[in-house]
Amino acid sequence: MKKNKTDKTRKTRCEWVPDNPLYREYHDNEWGVPVHDDQRLFEFIVLEGMQAGLSWSTILNKRDNFREAFDNFDPEKVACYGKKKIEGLLLNDGLIRNRKKIEAAIKNAKALISIQEEIGSFNNFIWRFVDGKPRKNAWKSVKDIPAKSPESEAMSKALIKRGFRFVGPTICYAFMQAVGMVNDHTVDCFRYEEIGK
């Protein structure tokens, strides 16, 4: 693998970004950008759970299908899914057809709504693990980036206690990276400073 991935415009990217337009688009415009919308946060927490044991490219390739099948990740709608809907989702070859993961998404929607009712928003709950603002790391190589952190371990415990599933410390850390709770772009990546501003 090359030290850094670049495109025709010579932008240096994190070395984990493959030569794939969909992946580049995700890296350049979404990954690490702070998200504060509850519905988008719900989408990311579900998709990170769906990724467990799979590659992120699998999820990216199916993300539009997920959005359509899961009512654009509206927690209120997902929380109401019953057996008939679950069976339909299991027959949808545009998704990850894993019963435990699909049932976890429904449980997570219910748990998220419970948090909203208690403290006003899922955003307020989840961002407290980084004191409300992104942590700016300074990794020189992808090899330096941890798979989990004390914050992701605390988040995992808190979410599990509230009824969430597929939210182990590693999944929580990937979620934190995706929604910009931590800036884990490597220091040589063109997005590192852009997001840090």
Protein backbone atom coordinates (compact mmCIF):
# COMPACT_ATOMS: atom_id res chain seq x y z
CA MET A 1 0.00 0.00 0.00
CA LYS A 2 1.25 3.45 -0.85
CA LYS A 3 2.07 5.75 2.02
CA ASN A 4 -0.66 8.20 1.00
CA LYS A 5 -3.56 8.02 -1.39
CA THR A 6 -3.86 10.89 -3.85
CA ASP A 7 -6.19 11.67 -6.72
CA LYS A 8 -5.69 13.61 -9.92
CA THR A 9 -5.78 16.90 -8.03
CA ARG A 10 -2.87 15.67 -5.90
CA LYS A 11 -4.71 15.86 -2.61
CA THR A 12 -3.07 13.74 0.05
CA ARG A 13 -5.58 11.59 1.88
CA CYS A 14 -5.52 9.21 4.82
CA GLU A 15 -3.80 6.05 3.66
CA TRP A 16 -6.85 3.87 4.39
CA VAL A 17 -8.82 5.49 1.55
CA PRO A 18 -8.93 3.10 -1.43
CA ASP A 19 -8.95 4.17 -5.06
CA ASN A 20 -12.73 4.25 -5.14
CA PRO A 21 -14.84 7.34 -5.96
CA LEU A 22 -17.56 6.51 -3.41
CA TYR A 23 -15.00 6.00 -0.67
CA ARG A 24 -13.14 9.20 -1.58
CA GLU A 25 -16.39 11.16 -1.52
CA TYR A 26 -17.17 9.80 1.94
CA HIS A 27 -13.67 10.58 3.25
CA ASP A 28 -13.53 14.05 1.71
CA ASN A 29 -16.99 15.27 2.69
CA GLU A 30 -18.34 13.25 5.61
CA TRP A 31 -15.84 11.31 7.70
CA GLY A 32 -14.80 13.32 10.71
CA VAL A 33 -17.22 16.21 10.12
CA PRO A 34 -19.09 16.96 13.37
CA VAL A 35 -22.70 15.71 13.28
CA HIS A 36 -25.26 17.07 15.74
CA ASP A 37 -28.54 15.96 14.15
CA ASP A 38 -30.20 13.10 16.05
CA GLN A 39 -31.45 11.34 12.93
CA ARG A 40 -28.01 11.41 11.30
CA LEU A 41 -26.39 10.25 14.54
CA PHE A 42 -28.87 7.37 14.62
CA GLU A 43 -27.99 6.49 11.02
CA PHE A 44 -24.30 6.34 11.84
CA ILE A 45 -24.74 4.28 15.00
CA VAL A 46 -26.89 1.75 13.11
CA LEU A 47 -24.52 1.54 10.15
CA GLU A 48 -21.46 1.16 12.35
CA GLY A 49 -23.22 -1.73 14.08
CA MET A 50 -24.16 -3.22 10.71
CA GLN A 51 -20.50 -3.06 9.70
CA ALA A 52 -19.34 -5.35 12.53
CA GLY A 53 -17.32 -8.13 10.89
CA LEU A 54 -17.56 -6.51 7.45
CA SER A 55 -15.75 -3.81 5.48
CA TRP A 56 -16.93 -0.21 5.46
CA SER A 57 -17.05 -0.33 1.65
CA THR A 58 -19.81 -2.95 1.96
CA ILE A 59 -21.83 -0.51 4.05
CA LEU A 60 -21.14 2.46 1.76
CA ASN A 61 -22.29 0.47 -1.26
CA LYS A 62 -25.54 -0.43 0.51
CA ARG A 63 -26.14 2.86 2.35
CA ASP A 64 -28.78 4.20 -0.06
CA ASN A 65 -30.63 0.88 0.22
CA PHE A 66 -30.47 1.14 4.01
CA ARG A 67 -31.84 4.67 3.94
CA GLU A 68 -34.77 3.59 1.80
CA ALA A 69 -35.51 0.40 3.76
CA PHE A 70 -35.14 2.06 7.18
CA ASP A 71 -37.31 5.12 6.46
CA ASN A 72 -34.26 7.37 6.19
CA PHE A 73 -33.31 6.30 9.73
CA ASP A 74 -36.22 8.09 11.36
CA PRO A 75 -36.00 6.68 14.92
CA GLU A 76 -39.74 7.13 15.51
CA LYS A 77 -40.55 4.94 12.49
CA VAL A 78 -37.81 2.35 13.08
CA ALA A 79 -38.89 1.95 16.72
CA CYS A 80 -42.31 0.77 15.48
CA TYR A 81 -41.01 -2.01 13.23
CA GLY A 82 -42.67 -5.36 13.95
CA LYS A 83 -42.21 -8.96 12.83
CA LYS A 84 -43.61 -8.39 9.34
CA LYS A 85 -41.22 -5.49 8.69
CA ILE A 86 -38.26 -7.47 10.07
CA GLU A 87 -39.05 -10.39 7.77
CA GLY A 88 -39.22 -8.00 4.82
CA LEU A 89 -35.85 -6.51 5.71
CA LEU A 90 -34.34 -10.00 5.95
CA LEU A 91 -35.47 -10.66 2.38
CA ASN A 92 -33.95 -7.41 1.06
CA ASP A 93 -30.69 -8.31 -0.68
CA GLY A 94 -29.69 -4.65 -0.71
CA LEU A 95 -29.09 -4.81 3.07
CA ILE A 96 -27.00 -6.73 5.57
CA ARG A 97 -29.48 -9.52 6.21
CA ASN A 98 -28.58 -10.32 9.78
CA ARG A 99 -31.54 -10.72 12.14
CA LYS A 100 -29.60 -9.74 15.27
CA LYS A 101 -28.33 -6.55 13.66
CA ILE A 102 -31.75 -5.60 12.32
CA GLU A 103 -33.38 -6.24 15.69
CA ALA A 104 -30.60 -4.22 17.33
CA ALA A 105 -31.41 -1.26 15.06
CA ILE A 106 -35.01 -1.34 16.31
CA LYS A 107 -33.93 -1.60 19.96
CA ASN A 108 -31.47 1.24 19.40
CA ALA A 109 -34.24 3.43 17.96
CA LYS A 110 -36.36 2.83 21.07
CA ALA A 111 -33.40 3.51 23.37
CA LEU A 112 -32.55 6.70 21.48
CA ILE A 113 -36.13 7.97 21.81
CA SER A 114 -35.98 7.25 25.53
CA ILE A 115 -32.85 9.41 25.79
CA GLN A 116 -34.53 12.19 23.80
CA GLU A 117 -37.49 12.12 26.16
CA GLU A 118 -35.22 12.22 29.19
CA ILE A 119 -32.63 14.86 28.25
CA GLY A 120 -33.97 16.53 25.13
CA SER A 121 -31.71 15.08 22.43
CA PHE A 122 -29.44 12.17 21.64
CA ASN A 123 -26.88 14.74 20.49
CA ASN A 124 -26.55 16.19 23.99
CA PHE A 125 -26.16 12.71 25.45
CA ILE A 126 -23.56 11.41 23.01
CA TRP A 127 -21.36 14.51 22.71
CA ARG A 128 -20.83 14.70 26.47
CA PHE A 129 -18.24 11.92 26.08
CA VAL A 130 -15.91 14.48 24.49
CA ASP A 131 -17.14 17.42 26.58
CA GLY A 132 -19.18 18.77 23.69
CA LYS A 133 -16.35 19.48 21.26
CA PRO A 134 -14.23 17.42 18.84
CA ARG A 135 -10.94 15.98 20.03
CA LYS A 136 -8.16 16.85 17.59
CA ASN A 137 -5.64 14.05 17.47
CA ALA A 138 -2.32 14.20 15.63
CA TRP A 139 -1.69 10.78 14.14
CA LYS A 140 1.20 10.52 11.69
CA SER A 141 0.15 7.11 10.40
CA VAL A 142 -2.99 5.02 10.32
CA LYS A 143 -1.02 2.50 12.39
CA ASP A 144 -1.02 4.99 15.26
CA ILE A 145 -4.81 5.30 15.39
CA PRO A 146 -6.34 3.23 18.22
CA ALA A 147 -9.27 0.86 17.76
CA LYS A 148 -10.91 2.21 20.92
CA SER A 149 -10.38 4.83 23.60
CA PRO A 150 -11.37 5.45 27.22
CA GLU A 151 -14.16 7.67 25.85
CA SER A 152 -15.48 4.97 23.50
CA GLU A 153 -15.38 2.45 26.34
CA ALA A 154 -17.39 4.81 28.56
CA MET A 155 -19.82 5.48 25.72
CA SER A 156 -20.26 1.76 25.07
CA LYS A 157 -21.06 1.06 28.72
CA ALA A 158 -23.53 3.94 28.90
CA LEU A 159 -25.31 2.94 25.69
CA ILE A 160 -25.53 -0.73 26.65
CA LYS A 161 -26.94 0.27 30.04
CA ARG A 162 -29.68 2.16 28.21
CA GLY A 163 -30.59 -0.79 25.99
CA PHE A 164 -28.46 -0.27 22.87
CA ARG A 165 -26.95 -3.26 21.07
CA PHE A 166 -23.95 -3.64 18.72
CA VAL A 167 -22.24 -0.73 20.46
CA GLY A 168 -19.00 -2.22 21.76
CA PRO A 169 -16.00 0.08 22.39
CA THR A 170 -14.54 -0.48 18.90
CA ILE A 171 -17.87 0.23 17.17
CA CYS A 172 -18.30 3.31 19.38
CA TYR A 173 -14.84 4.57 18.43
CA ALA A 174 -15.57 4.12 14.71
CA PHE A 175 -18.82 6.02 15.31
CA MET A 176 -16.90 8.81 17.09
CA GLN A 177 -14.53 9.07 14.12
CA ALA A 178 -17.36 9.11 11.58
CA VAL A 179 -19.43 11.82 13.33
CA GLY A 180 -16.46 14.05 14.08
CA MET A 181 -16.23 13.55 17.82
CA VAL A 182 -12.56 12.89 17.15
CA ASN A 183 -10.50 14.18 14.24
CA ASP A 184 -8.59 11.06 13.24
CA HIS A 185 -7.48 12.21 9.81
CA THR A 186 -3.72 11.76 9.73
CA VAL A 187 -1.76 15.01 9.92
CA ASP A 188 -0.65 14.77 6.28
CA CYS A 189 -4.25 14.43 5.03
CA PHE A 190 -5.71 17.56 3.41
CA ARG A 191 -8.85 17.17 5.56
CA TYR A 192 -6.97 17.25 8.86
CA GLU A 193 -6.58 21.03 8.98
CA GLU A 194 -9.85 21.73 7.16
CA ILE A 195 -11.89 19.91 9.78
CA GLY A 196 -9.77 21.29 12.58
CA LYS A 197 -10.70 24.88 11.73
